[in-house]
C-alpha atoms as a PDB file:
ATOM      1  CA  MET A   1     -51.603 148.567  49.585  1.00  0.00           C
ATOM      2  CA  GLY A   2     -50.629 151.941  48.359  1.00  0.00           C
ATOM      3  CA  LEU A   3     -47.650 153.304  47.091  1.00  0.00           C
ATOM      4  CA  TRP A   4     -46.434 154.745  50.547  1.00  0.00           C
ATOM      5  CA  THR A   5     -46.678 151.330  51.763  1.00  0.00           C
ATOM      6  CA  LEU A   6     -44.767 149.994  48.921  1.00  0.00           C
ATOM      7  CA  LEU A   7     -41.760 152.517  49.521  1.00  0.00           C
ATOM      8  CA  GLU A   8     -41.853 151.776  53.092  1.00  0.00           C
ATOM      9  CA  GLY A   9     -41.233 147.885  52.228  1.00  0.00           C
ATOM     10  CA  LEU A  10     -38.411 148.604  49.860  1.00  0.00           C
ATOM     11  CA  LEU A  11     -36.858 150.924  52.461  1.00  0.00           C
ATOM     12  CA  LEU A  12     -37.449 147.900  55.031  1.00  0.00           C
ATOM     13  CA  LEU A  13     -35.802 145.551  52.594  1.00  0.00           C
ATOM     14  CA  ALA A  14     -32.890 148.233  51.968  1.00  0.00           C
ATOM     15  CA  ASN A  15     -32.065 148.598  55.705  1.00  0.00           C
ATOM     16  CA  ALA A  16     -31.497 144.932  55.787  1.00  0.00           C
ATOM     17  CA  PHE A  17     -29.558 144.413  53.289  1.00  0.00           C
ATOM     18  CA  ALA A  18     -27.337 147.568  54.891  1.00  0.00           C
ATOM     19  CA  ILE A  19     -27.077 145.506  58.267  1.00  0.00           C
ATOM     20  CA  LEU A  20     -25.531 142.368  56.636  1.00  0.00           C
ATOM     21  CA  ASN A  21     -22.079 141.815  58.275  1.00  0.00           C
ATOM     22  CA  GLU A  22     -19.553 140.171  56.019  1.00  0.00           C
ATOM     23  CA  ASP A  23     -17.441 138.728  58.439  1.00  0.00           C
ATOM     24  CA  ARG A  24     -20.647 137.173  60.537  1.00  0.00           C
ATOM     25  CA  PHE A  25     -22.934 136.209  58.203  1.00  0.00           C
ATOM     26  CA  LEU A  26     -22.211 136.362  54.649  1.00  0.00           C
ATOM     27  CA  SER A  27     -18.736 134.564  54.380  1.00  0.00           C
ATOM     28  CA  LYS A  28     -20.151 131.721  56.698  1.00  0.00           C
ATOM     29  CA  ARG A  29     -22.528 130.989  53.817  1.00  0.00           C
ATOM     30  CA  GLY A  30     -20.445 131.606  51.238  1.00  0.00           C
ATOM     31  CA  TRP A  31     -21.927 135.046  49.945  1.00  0.00           C
ATOM     32  CA  SER A  32     -18.656 137.229  50.327  1.00  0.00           C
ATOM     33  CA  MET A  33     -17.072 139.367  47.535  1.00  0.00           C
ATOM     34  CA  GLN A  34     -14.004 137.139  47.576  1.00  0.00           C
ATOM     35  CA  GLU A  35     -15.626 134.367  45.947  1.00  0.00           C
ATOM     36  CA  PHE A  36     -15.401 136.447  42.834  1.00  0.00           C
ATOM     37  CA  PRO A  37     -11.919 137.551  41.919  1.00  0.00           C
ATOM     38  CA  GLY A  38     -11.525 140.326  39.535  1.00  0.00           C
ATOM     39  CA  GLY A  39     -15.032 141.517  40.035  1.00  0.00           C
ATOM     40  CA  ARG A  40     -16.632 139.109  37.766  1.00  0.00           C
ATOM     41  CA  THR A  41     -20.125 138.980  39.063  1.00  0.00           C
ATOM     42  CA  LYS A  42     -22.230 138.223  36.230  1.00  0.00           C
ATOM     43  CA  SER A  43     -24.376 135.213  37.710  1.00  0.00           C
ATOM     44  CA  LEU A  44     -27.778 136.087  39.907  1.00  0.00           C
ATOM     45  CA  LYS A  45     -25.626 135.300  43.037  1.00  0.00           C
ATOM     46  CA  GLY A  46     -22.792 137.600  42.325  1.00  0.00           C
ATOM     47  CA  GLN A  47     -25.343 140.162  41.662  1.00  0.00           C
ATOM     48  CA  VAL A  48     -26.949 140.112  44.680  1.00  0.00           C
ATOM     49  CA  ILE A  49     -23.913 140.475  46.361  1.00  0.00           C
ATOM     50  CA  GLY A  50     -22.772 143.505  44.796  1.00  0.00           C
ATOM     51  CA  LEU A  51     -26.467 144.553  45.804  1.00  0.00           C
ATOM     52  CA  ILE A  52     -25.670 143.805  49.386  1.00  0.00           C
ATOM     53  CA  TYR A  53     -22.214 145.287  49.144  1.00  0.00           C
ATOM     54  CA  ALA A  54     -23.811 148.840  47.251  1.00  0.00           C
ATOM     55  CA  MET A  55     -26.275 149.059  50.344  1.00  0.00           C
ATOM     56  CA  GLN A  56     -23.720 148.915  52.770  1.00  0.00           C
ATOM     57  CA  TYR A  57     -22.118 152.336  51.466  1.00  0.00           C
ATOM     58  CA  LEU A  58     -25.193 153.995  50.808  1.00  0.00           C
ATOM     59  CA  ARG A  59     -26.093 153.762  54.968  1.00  0.00           C
ATOM     60  CA  VAL A  60     -25.908 157.644  55.404  1.00  0.00           C
ATOM     61  CA  PRO A  61     -28.726 158.198  52.991  1.00  0.00           C
ATOM     62  CA  LEU A  62     -30.711 155.385  54.399  1.00  0.00           C
ATOM     63  CA  ILE A  63     -30.181 157.090  57.827  1.00  0.00           C
ATOM     64  CA  ILE A  64     -31.888 160.141  56.307  1.00  0.00           C
ATOM     65  CA  LEU A  65     -34.835 158.420  54.733  1.00  0.00           C
ATOM     66  CA  ASN A  66     -35.270 156.420  57.686  1.00  0.00           C
ATOM     67  CA  GLY A  67     -35.715 159.433  59.658  1.00  0.00           C
ATOM     68  CA  LEU A  68     -37.888 161.330  57.079  1.00  0.00           C
ATOM     69  CA  CYS A  69     -40.041 158.066  56.852  1.00  0.00           C
ATOM     70  CA  ILE A  70     -40.494 158.564  60.872  1.00  0.00           C
ATOM     71  CA  ILE A  71     -41.381 162.100  60.959  1.00  0.00           C
ATOM     72  CA  VAL A  72     -43.899 161.472  58.007  1.00  0.00           C
ATOM     73  CA  LYS A  73     -45.291 158.711  60.364  1.00  0.00           C
ATOM     74  CA  MET A  74     -45.354 160.942  63.331  1.00  0.00           C
ATOM     75  CA  VAL A  75     -47.014 163.830  61.577  1.00  0.00           C
ATOM     76  CA  SER A  76     -49.603 162.094  59.549  1.00  0.00           C
ATOM     77  CA  GLY A  77     -50.211 159.247  62.098  1.00  0.00           C
END
């Protein structure tokens, strides 16, 4: 396992977090930001929810990184 494989795995994980929908998936399972009034997210669950919401705001850079990854894969084989 090389560095490139690790970076691809992290990109796939970021993509997975970015596509999670709050209304259809997260709130039904009790993983929404509405559970943390005032933004107090000190627990592990709060930190993970914050990470999911941060990834949703980074969709445009993720699109660019996905395109770059596709181009590198096409060139290198």
